[in-house]
Amino acid sequence: MLIDTHCHLDFPDFAAERDEIVGRARAAGLGRMITISTRIDRFADILAIAETYHDVYCTVGTHPMHAHEEEEVELARLIQLSSHEKCIGIGETGLDYHYDDAPRDLAQRVFRTHIAAARETGLPLVIHSRDADADMADILTEEMGKGAFKALLHCFTSSAQLAETALKLGLSISFSGVLTFKKSDELRAIAREIPMDRLLVETDAPYLAPVPYRGKRNEPAYVAKTAKMLAEVKQVSEQEIASATTANALRLFSKMPPLAAAAGHVDGQAA
């Protein structure tokens, strides 16, 4: 059984067939899906999806590409929204210097507010980091010095140096379909060195579909292809990767009940 720790079921790409997509994920062996917030002001939409399906959970936060649209995010509001039983994480948040949609100082300030929320609630922080390795390492190191918090670097495509910093700080690292791409040898080399107890898998659907679906719309069911590649990279069985990444996800997102607790339920209703 696998867990897709990062997808975007609220995106328009899925609106017309969300039930079918969730059904295909279940058929592919997924035990849970975590649909990730990109705008706090749209949290109600995310939460509605999580409440519709018994095996879908959500997070709350502002993506760095939208930091300038939600620059006045309040710590108290983040904490309050995250108290819902279906909300199990803070984010996604972080830094994106590739697109630079938000001024960097503003994005950093919004990021630190999310870190504070993760620290206060005990919920894991879902971090987006693109072309911002040095600042990301500095902020994480500084903030961890103020008080520990749980976090993962999602859709990891950064440097070995940032991975090393993250591991030293106790963070987890999640890999997406990018791991399967032909030119991702350097990324696979990094994945090979990540301890088994820090590894997660995700789709980031509808983006970054793994081979052989590359170029098509991604969906949670395809996380199995990333897990298969990760097993090859780590030279272990697919079952070992499934067991390890699922256990890691449940430990990190500890607000989710054990998978056995979901048995006998269908879309939030007792079977």
Protein backbone atom coordinates (compact mmCIF):
# COMPACT_ATOMS: atom_id res chain seq x y z
CA MET A 1 0.00 0.00 0.00
CA LEU A 2 1.25 3.48 -0.91
CA ILE A 3 0.46 7.04 0.14
CA ASP A 4 0.55 9.95 -2.29
CA THR A 5 1.83 12.61 0.10
CA HIS A 6 1.36 15.51 -2.31
CA CYS A 7 -1.31 16.07 -4.95
CA HIS A 8 -3.70 18.87 -5.88
CA LEU A 9 -7.17 17.36 -6.21
CA ASP A 10 -8.76 20.81 -6.11
CA PHE A 11 -7.14 21.90 -9.38
CA PRO A 12 -9.46 22.35 -12.39
CA ASP A 13 -7.68 19.48 -14.19
CA PHE A 14 -9.55 17.03 -11.96
CA ALA A 15 -12.92 18.73 -11.52
CA ALA A 16 -14.83 16.70 -14.11
CA GLU A 17 -13.74 13.26 -12.92
CA ARG A 18 -12.53 13.51 -9.34
CA ASP A 19 -14.48 10.43 -8.23
CA GLU A 20 -12.92 8.36 -11.01
CA ILE A 21 -9.41 9.60 -10.17
CA VAL A 22 -9.81 8.70 -6.52
CA GLY A 23 -11.19 5.32 -7.58
CA ARG A 24 -8.20 4.63 -9.82
CA ALA A 25 -5.87 5.55 -6.98
CA ARG A 26 -7.57 3.06 -4.68
CA ALA A 27 -7.40 0.38 -7.37
CA ALA A 28 -3.67 1.06 -7.72
CA GLY A 29 -3.18 0.32 -4.03
CA LEU A 30 -3.12 3.78 -2.48
CA GLY A 31 -4.19 3.91 1.13
CA ARG A 32 -4.20 7.68 1.45
CA MET A 33 -3.92 10.86 -0.62
CA ILE A 34 -2.95 14.26 0.77
CA THR A 35 -4.32 17.16 -1.25
CA ILE A 36 -2.13 20.18 -0.72
CA SER A 37 -3.19 23.79 -0.19
CA THR A 38 -1.64 26.54 -2.31
CA ARG A 39 -3.86 29.42 -1.12
CA ILE A 40 -5.26 29.86 2.35
CA ASP A 41 -8.20 31.80 0.92
CA ARG A 42 -9.23 28.66 -0.98
CA PHE A 43 -8.89 26.33 1.97
CA ALA A 44 -12.65 25.73 2.10
CA ASP A 45 -12.48 24.09 -1.34
CA ILE A 46 -9.58 21.86 -0.28
CA LEU A 47 -11.34 20.88 2.93
CA ALA A 48 -14.55 20.02 1.10
CA ILE A 49 -12.65 17.50 -1.02
CA ALA A 50 -10.97 15.97 2.02
CA GLU A 51 -14.34 15.64 3.73
CA THR A 52 -15.84 13.95 0.69
CA TYR A 53 -13.41 11.01 0.62
CA HIS A 54 -12.47 8.98 3.68
CA ASP A 55 -8.92 8.40 2.41
CA VAL A 56 -8.13 12.00 1.40
CA TYR A 57 -6.57 14.47 3.85
CA CYS A 58 -5.37 18.02 3.34
CA THR A 59 -3.04 20.81 4.43
CA VAL A 60 -3.41 24.57 4.77
CA GLY A 61 -0.95 27.15 3.50
CA THR A 62 0.25 29.61 0.89
CA HIS A 63 2.48 28.52 -1.98
CA PRO A 64 5.50 30.83 -2.40
CA MET A 65 4.30 31.76 -5.89
CA HIS A 66 1.19 33.24 -4.22
CA ALA A 67 2.92 34.83 -1.23
CA HIS A 68 2.34 38.32 -2.63
CA GLU A 69 -1.40 37.56 -2.87
CA GLU A 70 -1.60 36.42 0.77
CA GLU A 71 1.23 38.41 2.31
CA GLU A 72 -0.79 39.30 5.41
CA VAL A 73 -1.33 35.69 6.42
CA GLU A 74 -1.79 35.58 10.17
CA LEU A 75 -0.28 32.93 12.38
CA ALA A 76 -3.49 32.68 14.39
CA ARG A 77 -5.55 32.01 11.26
CA LEU A 78 -3.20 29.28 10.07
CA ILE A 79 -3.38 27.61 13.46
CA GLN A 80 -7.16 27.87 13.62
CA LEU A 81 -7.72 26.44 10.13
CA SER A 82 -5.29 23.60 10.76
CA SER A 83 -7.32 22.42 13.76
CA HIS A 84 -9.84 20.62 11.54
CA GLU A 85 -9.54 16.85 11.91
CA LYS A 86 -8.92 16.40 8.19
CA CYS A 87 -6.12 19.00 8.05
CA ILE A 88 -2.84 17.24 8.80
CA GLY A 89 -0.10 19.65 7.71
CA ILE A 90 1.00 23.24 7.08
CA GLY A 91 1.83 24.34 3.54
CA GLU A 92 2.82 24.08 0.91
CA THR A 93 5.09 27.00 1.59
CA GLY A 94 8.71 27.90 0.97
CA LEU A 95 10.78 29.73 -1.63
CA ASP A 96 10.64 29.77 -5.42
CA TYR A 97 13.38 31.82 -7.04
CA HIS A 98 12.78 30.25 -10.45
CA TYR A 99 9.61 32.22 -11.16
CA ASP A 100 10.15 34.92 -8.52
CA ASP A 101 6.45 35.83 -8.59
CA ALA A 102 6.66 37.26 -5.08
CA PRO A 103 9.40 39.60 -3.79
CA ARG A 104 11.95 37.41 -2.05
CA ASP A 105 11.85 39.22 1.27
CA LEU A 106 8.07 38.93 1.36
CA ALA A 107 8.17 35.23 0.43
CA GLN A 108 10.68 34.61 3.21
CA ARG A 109 8.47 36.39 5.73
CA VAL A 110 5.41 34.34 4.73
CA PHE A 111 7.53 31.19 4.87
CA ARG A 112 8.64 31.97 8.43
CA THR A 113 5.02 32.48 9.49
CA HIS A 114 4.22 28.99 8.25
CA ILE A 115 7.23 27.60 10.11
CA ALA A 116 5.91 29.20 13.28
CA ALA A 117 2.53 27.56 12.68
CA ALA A 118 4.16 24.16 12.22
CA ARG A 119 6.17 24.63 15.38
CA GLU A 120 3.14 25.66 17.44
CA THR A 121 0.72 23.04 16.12
CA GLY A 122 3.17 20.15 15.84
CA LEU A 123 1.94 19.53 12.29
CA PRO A 124 4.53 18.87 9.58
CA LEU A 125 5.56 21.67 7.24
CA VAL A 126 5.33 20.89 3.51
CA ILE A 127 8.17 22.82 1.85
CA HIS A 128 8.47 23.93 -1.77
CA SER A 129 12.02 24.88 -2.70
CA ARG A 130 13.14 25.78 -6.21
CA ASP A 131 16.41 27.49 -7.14
CA ALA A 132 16.69 28.78 -3.58
CA ASP A 133 19.03 26.29 -1.93
CA ALA A 134 21.25 28.71 0.00
CA ASP A 135 18.43 30.80 1.48
CA MET A 136 16.37 27.70 2.17
CA ALA A 137 19.22 26.06 4.09
CA ASP A 138 19.90 29.25 6.04
CA ILE A 139 16.26 29.82 7.01
CA LEU A 140 15.65 26.20 8.00
CA THR A 141 18.80 26.13 10.11
CA GLU A 142 17.99 29.44 11.79
CA GLU A 143 14.37 28.57 12.47
CA MET A 144 15.17 25.11 13.78
CA GLY A 145 17.45 26.84 16.27
CA LYS A 146 14.42 28.72 17.61
CA GLY A 147 12.55 25.50 18.30
CA ALA A 148 12.09 22.17 16.58
CA PHE A 149 9.41 21.53 13.96
CA LYS A 150 8.59 18.65 11.61
CA ALA A 151 8.99 19.18 7.88
CA LEU A 152 9.59 17.61 4.49
CA LEU A 153 11.07 18.92 1.29
CA HIS A 154 8.48 17.97 -1.30
CA CYS A 155 9.18 17.10 -4.95
CA PHE A 156 12.89 17.20 -4.22
CA THR A 157 14.97 18.38 -7.20
CA SER A 158 17.56 20.43 -5.33
CA SER A 159 21.24 19.87 -4.56
CA ALA A 160 22.90 17.16 -2.53
CA GLN A 161 24.01 19.93 -0.17
CA LEU A 162 20.42 20.95 0.61
CA ALA A 163 19.49 17.30 1.09
CA GLU A 164 22.34 16.92 3.56
CA THR A 165 21.26 20.02 5.48
CA ALA A 166 17.66 18.79 5.59
CA LEU A 167 18.68 15.40 6.92
CA LYS A 168 20.87 16.96 9.61
CA LEU A 169 17.89 19.04 10.72
CA GLY A 170 15.68 15.96 10.93
CA LEU A 171 13.59 16.64 7.82
CA SER A 172 12.18 14.09 5.40
CA ILE A 173 12.55 14.18 1.62
CA SER A 174 9.85 13.33 -0.92
CA PHE A 175 10.40 12.33 -4.53
CA SER A 176 8.01 12.79 -7.43
CA GLY A 177 7.84 11.51 -10.99
CA VAL A 178 10.92 13.58 -11.83
CA LEU A 179 12.89 10.69 -10.33
CA THR A 180 11.88 8.56 -13.35
CA PHE A 181 12.99 11.05 -16.02
CA LYS A 182 15.82 9.98 -18.30
CA LYS A 183 18.05 12.92 -17.40
CA SER A 184 17.54 12.62 -13.62
CA ASP A 185 20.72 10.63 -12.93
CA GLU A 186 21.96 13.22 -10.43
CA LEU A 187 18.64 13.17 -8.59
CA ARG A 188 18.68 9.37 -8.46
CA ALA A 189 22.18 9.52 -7.00
CA ILE A 190 20.89 11.79 -4.23
CA ALA A 191 17.91 9.50 -3.58
CA ARG A 192 20.29 6.55 -3.25
CA GLU A 193 21.90 8.21 -0.23
CA ILE A 194 18.72 9.18 1.62
CA PRO A 195 18.08 6.91 4.63
CA MET A 196 15.06 4.66 4.21
CA ASP A 197 13.34 6.19 7.24
CA ARG A 198 13.33 9.67 5.65
CA LEU A 199 11.89 8.81 2.23
CA LEU A 200 8.43 9.71 0.94
CA VAL A 201 6.80 9.47 -2.48
CA GLU A 202 4.32 11.78 -4.19
CA THR A 203 2.88 12.76 -7.54
CA ASP A 204 2.44 16.55 -7.31
CA ALA A 205 -0.48 15.77 -9.62
CA PRO A 206 -1.60 17.08 -12.03
CA TYR A 207 2.05 17.93 -12.75
CA LEU A 208 5.21 15.90 -13.39
CA ALA A 209 3.74 12.59 -14.50
CA PRO A 210 6.32 9.81 -14.25
CA VAL A 211 7.54 7.72 -17.16
CA PRO A 212 5.71 6.23 -19.08
CA TYR A 213 3.06 8.93 -18.63
CA ARG A 214 5.41 11.90 -18.96
CA GLY A 215 3.77 14.77 -20.81
CA LYS A 216 0.28 13.69 -19.78
CA ARG A 217 -1.81 14.80 -16.84
CA ASN A 218 -0.54 13.20 -13.67
CA GLU A 219 -2.81 11.58 -11.08
CA PRO A 220 -2.34 9.89 -7.68
CA ALA A 221 -2.44 6.34 -9.07
CA TYR A 222 0.83 7.01 -10.87
CA VAL A 223 2.78 7.32 -7.61
CA ALA A 224 3.41 3.59 -7.99
CA LYS A 225 5.77 4.34 -10.89
CA THR A 226 7.86 6.66 -8.73
CA ALA A 227 7.92 4.07 -5.95
CA LYS A 228 9.10 1.44 -8.42
CA MET A 229 11.97 3.65 -9.57
CA LEU A 230 12.88 4.43 -5.98
CA ALA A 231 13.04 0.70 -5.26
CA GLU A 232 15.44 0.25 -8.19
CA VAL A 233 17.59 3.14 -7.00
CA LYS A 234 17.75 1.79 -3.44
CA GLN A 235 18.16 -1.79 -4.68
CA VAL A 236 15.30 -3.09 -2.58
CA SER A 237 11.96 -4.62 -3.43
CA GLU A 238 8.91 -2.56 -4.33
CA GLN A 239 7.23 -3.99 -1.24
CA GLU A 240 10.05 -2.67 0.96
CA ILE A 241 9.68 0.80 -0.55
CA ALA A 242 5.91 0.71 -0.13
CA SER A 243 6.21 -0.37 3.50
CA ALA A 244 8.92 2.14 4.33
CA THR A 245 7.41 5.18 2.61
CA THR A 246 3.94 4.44 4.01
CA ALA A 247 5.29 4.05 7.53
CA ASN A 248 7.29 7.26 7.12
CA ALA A 249 4.26 9.18 5.87
CA LEU A 250 2.08 7.98 8.74
CA ARG A 251 4.77 8.89 11.25
CA LEU A 252 5.33 12.35 9.78
CA PHE A 253 1.64 13.13 9.20
CA SER A 254 0.79 11.64 12.57
CA LYS A 255 -2.62 13.32 12.76
CA MET A 256 -3.85 10.80 10.20
CA PRO A 257 -5.28 7.67 11.84
CA PRO A 258 -3.60 4.31 11.12
CA LEU A 259 -4.57 2.76 7.81
CA ALA A 260 -6.50 0.01 9.59
CA ALA A 261 -8.82 2.69 10.96
CA ALA A 262 -9.99 3.44 7.41
CA ALA A 263 -11.10 -0.13 6.75
CA GLY A 264 -14.85 -0.56 6.48
CA HIS A 265 -15.50 3.03 5.44
CA VAL A 266 -16.44 4.49 2.10
CA ASP A 267 -16.17 8.21 1.51
CA GLY A 268 -16.60 9.05 5.15
CA GLN A 269 -19.55 6.71 5.70
CA ALA A 270 -19.48 3.44 7.61
CA ALA A 271 -19.74 0.51 5.24
